[in-house]
Amino acid sequence: MSRASKVTLGLVTAVTGLIVVAVHNTQVTEREAMHQGVVRDEERQRLKRERALDFEMSAKLREEYEKLQPVSNSEDKPKR
């Protein structure tokens, strides 16, 4: 093989190796980004459930307090 063909083969091999490494790194980065999306979604769902439970508990407490001490609506107050 001539010297030019050896250099060409070496360069093509090196460039191909760099491309393979770059694609692999890109895939790893994309996979991590996709996983972070799943983590964020799970956290949002957890917060949504937590807020719903807080709302239900607040509504139950309000009902209990209104049984103990009735509350009039602001619409029922006489106007001046």
PDB file of N, CA and C in Angstrom:
ATOM      1  N   MET A   1       0.840  -1.174   0.000  1.00  0.00           N
ATOM      2  CA  MET A   1       0.000   0.000   0.000  1.00  0.00           C
ATOM      3  C   MET A   1       0.889   1.243   0.000  1.00  0.00           C
ATOM      4  N   SER A   2       0.461   2.219  -0.712  1.00  0.00           N
ATOM      5  CA  SER A   2       1.244   3.457  -0.763  1.00  0.00           C
ATOM      6  C   SER A   2       1.055   4.268   0.518  1.00  0.00           C
ATOM      7  N   ARG A   3       1.943   5.197   0.703  1.00  0.00           N
ATOM      8  CA  ARG A   3       1.893   6.023   1.899  1.00  0.00           C
ATOM      9  C   ARG A   3       0.603   6.851   1.935  1.00  0.00           C
ATOM     10  N   ALA A   4       0.167   7.380   0.820  1.00  0.00           N
ATOM     11  CA  ALA A   4      -1.052   8.191   0.748  1.00  0.00           C
ATOM     12  C   ALA A   4      -2.273   7.361   1.125  1.00  0.00           C
ATOM     13  N   SER A   5      -2.328   6.131   0.662  1.00  0.00           N
ATOM     14  CA  SER A   5      -3.486   5.288   0.989  1.00  0.00           C
ATOM     15  C   SER A   5      -3.489   4.912   2.469  1.00  0.00           C
ATOM     16  N   LYS A   6      -2.292   4.722   3.066  1.00  0.00           N
ATOM     17  CA  LYS A   6      -2.215   4.420   4.499  1.00  0.00           C
ATOM     18  C   LYS A   6      -2.693   5.615   5.325  1.00  0.00           C
ATOM     19  N   VAL A   7      -2.269   6.812   4.937  1.00  0.00           N
ATOM     20  CA  VAL A   7      -2.693   8.029   5.635  1.00  0.00           C
ATOM     21  C   VAL A   7      -4.202   8.201   5.498  1.00  0.00           C
ATOM     22  N   THR A   8      -4.721   7.998   4.307  1.00  0.00           N
ATOM     23  CA  THR A   8      -6.165   8.123   4.069  1.00  0.00           C
ATOM     24  C   THR A   8      -6.927   7.117   4.916  1.00  0.00           C
ATOM     25  N   LEU A   9      -6.462   5.875   4.932  1.00  0.00           N
ATOM     26  CA  LEU A   9      -7.123   4.844   5.736  1.00  0.00           C
ATOM     27  C   LEU A   9      -7.083   5.210   7.217  1.00  0.00           C
ATOM     28  N   GLY A  10      -5.964   5.698   7.693  1.00  0.00           N
ATOM     29  CA  GLY A  10      -5.836   6.102   9.095  1.00  0.00           C
ATOM     30  C   GLY A  10      -6.770   7.253   9.437  1.00  0.00           C
ATOM     31  N   LEU A  11      -6.833   8.248   8.571  1.00  0.00           N
ATOM     32  CA  LEU A  11      -7.716   9.390   8.812  1.00  0.00           C
ATOM     33  C   LEU A  11      -9.186   8.979   8.795  1.00  0.00           C
ATOM     34  N   VAL A  12      -9.553   8.162   7.832  1.00  0.00           N
ATOM     35  CA  VAL A  12     -10.947   7.709   7.744  1.00  0.00           C
ATOM     36  C   VAL A  12     -11.306   6.895   8.978  1.00  0.00           C
ATOM     37  N   THR A  13     -10.395   6.048   9.434  1.00  0.00           N
ATOM     38  CA  THR A  13     -10.644   5.245  10.635  1.00  0.00           C
ATOM     39  C   THR A  13     -10.792   6.146  11.856  1.00  0.00           C
ATOM     40  N   ALA A  14      -9.925   7.144  11.981  1.00  0.00           N
ATOM     41  CA  ALA A  14      -9.988   8.061  13.123  1.00  0.00           C
ATOM     42  C   ALA A  14     -11.285   8.868  13.108  1.00  0.00           C
ATOM     43  N   VAL A  15     -11.655   9.397  11.955  1.00  0.00           N
ATOM     44  CA  VAL A  15     -12.891  10.183  11.847  1.00  0.00           C
ATOM     45  C   VAL A  15     -14.097   9.310  12.157  1.00  0.00           C
ATOM     46  N   THR A  16     -14.102   8.090  11.654  1.00  0.00           N
ATOM     47  CA  THR A  16     -15.212   7.175  11.926  1.00  0.00           C
ATOM     48  C   THR A  16     -15.313   6.887  13.418  1.00  0.00           C
ATOM     49  N   GLY A  17     -14.182   6.662  14.054  1.00  0.00           N
ATOM     50  CA  GLY A  17     -14.176   6.430  15.503  1.00  0.00           C
ATOM     51  C   GLY A  17     -14.716   7.627  16.265  1.00  0.00           C
ATOM     52  N   LEU A  18     -14.315   8.827  15.870  1.00  0.00           N
ATOM     53  CA  LEU A  18     -14.815  10.040  16.521  1.00  0.00           C
ATOM     54  C   LEU A  18     -16.326  10.196  16.330  1.00  0.00           C
ATOM     55  N   ILE A  19     -16.803   9.871  15.147  1.00  0.00           N
ATOM     56  CA  ILE A  19     -18.247   9.963  14.887  1.00  0.00           C
ATOM     57  C   ILE A  19     -19.004   8.977  15.764  1.00  0.00           C
ATOM     58  N   VAL A  20     -18.492   7.762  15.895  1.00  0.00           N
ATOM     59  CA  VAL A  20     -19.152   6.750  16.733  1.00  0.00           C
ATOM     60  C   VAL A  20     -19.199   7.217  18.183  1.00  0.00           C
ATOM     61  N   VAL A  21     -18.095   7.761  18.685  1.00  0.00           N
ATOM     62  CA  VAL A  21     -18.051   8.258  20.065  1.00  0.00           C
ATOM     63  C   VAL A  21     -19.023   9.422  20.241  1.00  0.00           C
ATOM     64  N   ALA A  22     -19.078  10.332  19.283  1.00  0.00           N
ATOM     65  CA  ALA A  22     -19.979  11.488  19.375  1.00  0.00           C
ATOM     66  C   ALA A  22     -21.441  11.043  19.392  1.00  0.00           C
ATOM     67  N   VAL A  23     -21.795  10.089  18.538  1.00  0.00           N
ATOM     68  CA  VAL A  23     -23.174   9.591  18.503  1.00  0.00           C
ATOM     69  C   VAL A  23     -23.513   8.902  19.819  1.00  0.00           C
ATOM     70  N   HIS A  24     -22.581   8.126  20.346  1.00  0.00           N
ATOM     71  CA  HIS A  24     -22.816   7.446  21.621  1.00  0.00           C
ATOM     72  C   HIS A  24     -23.055   8.465  22.738  1.00  0.00           C
ATOM     73  N   ASN A  25     -22.220   9.494  22.807  1.00  0.00           N
ATOM     74  CA  ASN A  25     -22.389  10.525  23.836  1.00  0.00           C
ATOM     75  C   ASN A  25     -23.717  11.260  23.678  1.00  0.00           C
ATOM     76  N   THR A  26     -24.111  11.520  22.451  1.00  0.00           N
ATOM     77  CA  THR A  26     -25.398  12.176  22.201  1.00  0.00           C
ATOM     78  C   THR A  26     -26.546  11.303  22.687  1.00  0.00           C
ATOM     79  N   GLN A  27     -26.476  10.013  22.428  1.00  0.00           N
ATOM     80  CA  GLN A  27     -27.525   9.096  22.883  1.00  0.00           C
ATOM     81  C   GLN A  27     -27.605   9.060  24.404  1.00  0.00           C
ATOM     82  N   VAL A  28     -26.468   9.029  25.068  1.00  0.00           N
ATOM     83  CA  VAL A  28     -26.451   9.010  26.535  1.00  0.00           C
ATOM     84  C   VAL A  28     -27.088  10.289  27.078  1.00  0.00           C
ATOM     85  N   THR A  29     -26.726  11.428  26.499  1.00  0.00           N
ATOM     86  CA  THR A  29     -27.277  12.709  26.941  1.00  0.00           C
ATOM     87  C   THR A  29     -28.789  12.758  26.733  1.00  0.00           C
ATOM     88  N   GLU A  30     -29.260  12.303  25.575  1.00  0.00           N
ATOM     89  CA  GLU A  30     -30.700  12.301  25.294  1.00  0.00           C
ATOM     90  C   GLU A  30     -31.442  11.364  26.239  1.00  0.00           C
ATOM     91  N   ARG A  31     -30.862  10.213  26.531  1.00  0.00           N
ATOM     92  CA  ARG A  31     -31.496   9.259  27.441  1.00  0.00           C
ATOM     93  C   ARG A  31     -31.636   9.869  28.837  1.00  0.00           C
ATOM     94  N   GLU A  32     -30.589  10.547  29.297  1.00  0.00           N
ATOM     95  CA  GLU A  32     -30.645  11.199  30.608  1.00  0.00           C
ATOM     96  C   GLU A  32     -31.697  12.309  30.626  1.00  0.00           C
ATOM     97  N   ALA A  33     -31.785  13.069  29.544  1.00  0.00           N
ATOM     98  CA  ALA A  33     -32.779  14.144  29.463  1.00  0.00           C
ATOM     99  C   ALA A  33     -34.193  13.568  29.482  1.00  0.00           C
ATOM    100  N   MET A  34     -34.402  12.468  28.780  1.00  0.00           N
ATOM    101  CA  MET A  34     -35.723  11.832  28.774  1.00  0.00           C
ATOM    102  C   MET A  34     -36.067  11.318  30.166  1.00  0.00           C
ATOM    103  N   HIS A  35     -35.095  10.768  30.858  1.00  0.00           N
ATOM    104  CA  HIS A  35     -35.348  10.256  32.208  1.00  0.00           C
ATOM    105  C   HIS A  35     -35.694  11.398  33.158  1.00  0.00           C
ATOM    106  N   GLN A  36     -35.045  12.536  32.999  1.00  0.00           N
ATOM    107  CA  GLN A  36     -35.365  13.693  33.839  1.00  0.00           C
ATOM    108  C   GLN A  36     -36.802  14.140  33.607  1.00  0.00           C
ATOM    109  N   GLY A  37     -37.302  13.999  32.384  1.00  0.00           N
ATOM    110  CA  GLY A  37     -38.705  14.310  32.108  1.00  0.00           C
ATOM    111  C   GLY A  37     -39.632  13.405  32.891  1.00  0.00           C
ATOM    112  N   VAL A  38     -39.294  12.133  32.980  1.00  0.00           N
ATOM    113  CA  VAL A  38     -40.099  11.182  33.747  1.00  0.00           C
ATOM    114  C   VAL A  38     -40.072  11.548  35.226  1.00  0.00           C
ATOM    115  N   VAL A  39     -38.905  11.901  35.725  1.00  0.00           N
ATOM    116  CA  VAL A  39     -38.771  12.277  37.137  1.00  0.00           C
ATOM    117  C   VAL A  39     -39.616  13.513  37.428  1.00  0.00           C
ATOM    118  N   ARG A  40     -39.566  14.511  36.535  1.00  0.00           N
ATOM    119  CA  ARG A  40     -40.373  15.725  36.731  1.00  0.00           C
ATOM    120  C   ARG A  40     -41.861  15.401  36.703  1.00  0.00           C
ATOM    121  N   ASP A  41     -42.290  14.527  35.785  1.00  0.00           N
ATOM    122  CA  ASP A  41     -43.703  14.147  35.716  1.00  0.00           C
ATOM    123  C   ASP A  41     -44.152  13.455  36.995  1.00  0.00           C
ATOM    124  N   GLU A  42     -43.325  12.555  37.514  1.00  0.00           N
ATOM    125  CA  GLU A  42     -43.674  11.864  38.758  1.00  0.00           C
ATOM    126  C   GLU A  42     -43.793  12.853  39.912  1.00  0.00           C
ATOM    127  N   GLU A  43     -42.899  13.831  39.957  1.00  0.00           N
ATOM    128  CA  GLU A  43     -42.947  14.839  41.021  1.00  0.00           C
ATOM    129  C   GLU A  43     -44.210  15.692  40.895  1.00  0.00           C
ATOM    130  N   ARG A  44     -44.570  16.069  39.660  1.00  0.00           N
ATOM    131  CA  ARG A  44     -45.805  16.845  39.456  1.00  0.00           C
ATOM    132  C   ARG A  44     -47.026  16.058  39.904  1.00  0.00           C
ATOM    133  N   GLN A  45     -47.067  14.783  39.557  1.00  0.00           N
ATOM    134  CA  GLN A  45     -48.207  13.951  39.953  1.00  0.00           C
ATOM    135  C   GLN A  45     -48.269  13.801  41.465  1.00  0.00           C
ATOM    136  N   ARG A  46     -47.119  13.656  42.114  1.00  0.00           N
ATOM    137  CA  ARG A  46     -47.096  13.542  43.569  1.00  0.00           C
ATOM    138  C   ARG A  46     -47.627  14.820  44.209  1.00  0.00           C
ATOM    139  N   LEU A  47     -47.182  15.969  43.715  1.00  0.00           N
ATOM    140  CA  LEU A  47     -47.656  17.241  44.252  1.00  0.00           C
ATOM    141  C   LEU A  47     -49.154  17.421  44.019  1.00  0.00           C
ATOM    142  N   LYS A  48     -49.626  16.990  42.857  1.00  0.00           N
ATOM    143  CA  LYS A  48     -51.055  17.112  42.551  1.00  0.00           C
ATOM    144  C   LYS A  48     -51.878  16.269  43.520  1.00  0.00           C
ATOM    145  N   ARG A  49     -51.432  15.033  43.775  1.00  0.00           N
ATOM    146  CA  ARG A  49     -52.142  14.170  44.734  1.00  0.00           C
ATOM    147  C   ARG A  49     -52.107  14.773  46.133  1.00  0.00           C
ATOM    148  N   GLU A  50     -50.950  15.307  46.504  1.00  0.00           N
ATOM    149  CA  GLU A  50     -50.800  15.903  47.833  1.00  0.00           C
ATOM    150  C   GLU A  50     -51.736  17.104  47.990  1.00  0.00           C
ATOM    151  N   ARG A  51     -51.812  17.941  46.974  1.00  0.00           N
ATOM    152  CA  ARG A  51     -52.699  19.110  47.038  1.00  0.00           C
ATOM    153  C   ARG A  51     -54.161  18.690  47.086  1.00  0.00           C
ATOM    154  N   ALA A  52     -54.516  17.643  46.341  1.00  0.00           N
ATOM    155  CA  ALA A  52     -55.896  17.159  46.362  1.00  0.00           C
ATOM    156  C   ALA A  52     -56.257  16.643  47.755  1.00  0.00           C
ATOM    157  N   LEU A  53     -55.337  15.911  48.378  1.00  0.00           N
ATOM    158  CA  LEU A  53     -55.589  15.420  49.734  1.00  0.00           C
ATOM    159  C   LEU A  53     -55.712  16.578  50.722  1.00  0.00           C
ATOM    160  N   ASP A  54     -54.863  17.589  50.569  1.00  0.00           N
ATOM    161  CA  ASP A  54     -54.954  18.768  51.439  1.00  0.00           C
ATOM    162  C   ASP A  54     -56.295  19.470  51.259  1.00  0.00           C
ATOM    163  N   PHE A  55     -56.748  19.570  50.015  1.00  0.00           N
ATOM    164  CA  PHE A  55     -58.029  20.220  49.744  1.00  0.00           C
ATOM    165  C   PHE A  55     -59.173  19.439  50.380  1.00  0.00           C
ATOM    166  N   GLU A  56     -59.145  18.109  50.232  1.00  0.00           N
ATOM    167  CA  GLU A  56     -60.195  17.277  50.829  1.00  0.00           C
ATOM    168  C   GLU A  56     -60.193  17.410  52.352  1.00  0.00           C
ATOM    169  N   MET A  57     -59.012  17.390  52.947  1.00  0.00           N
ATOM    170  CA  MET A  57     -58.923  17.519  54.390  1.00  0.00           C
ATOM    171  C   MET A  57     -59.438  18.890  54.837  1.00  0.00           C
ATOM    172  N   SER A  58     -59.107  19.917  54.090  1.00  0.00           N
ATOM    173  CA  SER A  58     -59.572  21.264  54.405  1.00  0.00           C
ATOM    174  C   SER A  58     -61.093  21.346  54.306  1.00  0.00           C
ATOM    175  N   ALA A  59     -61.670  20.713  53.293  1.00  0.00           N
ATOM    176  CA  ALA A  59     -63.126  20.728  53.137  1.00  0.00           C
ATOM    177  C   ALA A  59     -63.798  19.989  54.291  1.00  0.00           C
ATOM    178  N   LYS A  60     -63.234  18.864  54.708  1.00  0.00           N
ATOM    179  CA  LYS A  60     -63.802  18.111  55.834  1.00  0.00           C
ATOM    180  C   LYS A  60     -63.721  18.920  57.128  1.00  0.00           C
ATOM    181  N   LEU A  61     -62.589  19.559  57.357  1.00  0.00           N
ATOM    182  CA  LEU A  61     -62.443  20.390  58.551  1.00  0.00           C
ATOM    183  C   LEU A  61     -63.439  21.546  58.531  1.00  0.00           C
ATOM    184  N   ARG A  62     -63.632  22.145  57.381  1.00  0.00           N
ATOM    185  CA  ARG A  62     -64.592  23.248  57.276  1.00  0.00           C
ATOM    186  C   ARG A  62     -65.996  22.764  57.629  1.00  0.00           C
ATOM    187  N   GLU A  63     -66.376  21.583  57.111  1.00  0.00           N
ATOM    188  CA  GLU A  63     -67.694  21.027  57.435  1.00  0.00           C
ATOM    189  C   GLU A  63     -67.834  20.810  58.940  1.00  0.00           C
ATOM    190  N   GLU A  64     -66.812  20.251  59.558  1.00  0.00           N
ATOM    191  CA  GLU A  64     -66.866  20.008  61.005  1.00  0.00           C
ATOM    192  C   GLU A  64     -66.978  21.320  61.780  1.00  0.00           C
ATOM    193  N   TYR A  65     -66.202  22.311  61.386  1.00  0.00           N
ATOM    194  CA  TYR A  65     -66.246  23.596  62.078  1.00  0.00           C
ATOM    195  C   TYR A  65     -67.592  24.284  61.880  1.00  0.00           C
ATOM    196  N   GLU A  66     -68.165  24.157  60.688  1.00  0.00           N
ATOM    197  CA  GLU A  66     -69.467  24.776  60.442  1.00  0.00           C
ATOM    198  C   GLU A  66     -70.566  24.090  61.244  1.00  0.00           C
ATOM    199  N   LYS A  67     -70.403  22.804  61.523  1.00  0.00           N
ATOM    200  CA  LYS A  67     -71.376  22.110  62.376  1.00  0.00           C
ATOM    201  C   LYS A  67     -71.296  22.653  63.803  1.00  0.00           C
ATOM    202  N   LEU A  68     -70.074  22.911  64.256  1.00  0.00           N
ATOM    203  CA  LEU A  68     -69.885  23.415  65.614  1.00  0.00           C
ATOM    204  C   LEU A  68     -70.299  24.883  65.740  1.00  0.00           C
ATOM    205  N   GLN A  69     -69.980  25.650  64.734  1.00  0.00           N
ATOM    206  CA  GLN A  69     -70.291  27.077  64.774  1.00  0.00           C
ATOM    207  C   GLN A  69     -70.694  27.521  63.370  1.00  0.00           C
ATOM    208  N   PRO A  70     -71.987  27.701  63.139  1.00  0.00           N
ATOM    209  CA  PRO A  70     -72.456  28.087  61.804  1.00  0.00           C
ATOM    210  C   PRO A  70     -71.839  29.415  61.357  1.00  0.00           C
ATOM    211  N   VAL A  71     -71.585  29.483  60.076  1.00  0.00           N
ATOM    212  CA  VAL A  71     -70.983  30.673  59.493  1.00  0.00           C
ATOM    213  C   VAL A  71     -71.950  31.225  58.464  1.00  0.00           C
ATOM    214  N   SER A  72     -72.189  32.521  58.522  1.00  0.00           N
ATOM    215  CA  SER A  72     -73.074  33.119  57.524  1.00  0.00           C
ATOM    216  C   SER A  72     -72.240  33.548  56.326  1.00  0.00           C
ATOM    217  N   ASN A  73     -72.846  33.467  55.158  1.00  0.00           N
ATOM    218  CA  ASN A  73     -72.162  33.893  53.940  1.00  0.00           C
ATOM    219  C   ASN A  73     -72.108  35.404  53.896  1.00  0.00           C
ATOM    220  N   SER A  74     -71.183  35.955  53.176  1.00  0.00           N
ATOM    221  CA  SER A  74     -71.069  37.409  53.060  1.00  0.00           C
ATOM    222  C   SER A  74     -72.277  37.984  52.331  1.00  0.00           C
ATOM    223  N   GLU A  75     -72.956  37.181  51.521  1.00  0.00           N
ATOM    224  CA  GLU A  75     -74.143  37.629  50.798  1.00  0.00           C
ATOM    225  C   GLU A  75     -75.325  37.811  51.741  1.00  0.00           C
ATOM    226  N   ASP A  76     -75.321  37.122  52.876  1.00  0.00           N
ATOM    227  CA  ASP A  76     -76.422  37.195  53.827  1.00  0.00           C
ATOM    228  C   ASP A  76     -76.351  38.437  54.705  1.00  0.00           C
ATOM    229  N   LYS A  77     -75.227  39.123  54.708  1.00  0.00           N
ATOM    230  CA  LYS A  77     -75.072  40.291  55.568  1.00  0.00           C
ATOM    231  C   LYS A  77     -75.915  41.440  55.030  1.00  0.00           C
ATOM    232  N   PRO A  78     -76.534  42.209  55.925  1.00  0.00           N
ATOM    233  CA  PRO A  78     -77.343  43.345  55.455  1.00  0.00           C
ATOM    234  C   PRO A  78     -76.451  44.426  54.854  1.00  0.00           C
ATOM    235  N   LYS A  79     -76.978  45.050  53.814  1.00  0.00           N
ATOM    236  CA  LYS A  79     -76.235  46.121  53.148  1.00  0.00           C
ATOM    237  C   LYS A  79     -76.534  47.435  53.838  1.00  0.00           C
ATOM    238  N   ARG A  80     -75.574  48.324  53.891  1.00  0.00           N
ATOM    239  CA  ARG A  80     -75.745  49.609  54.582  1.00  0.00           C
ATOM    240  C   ARG A  80     -76.062  50.701  53.622  1.00  0.00           C
TER     241      ARG A  80
END
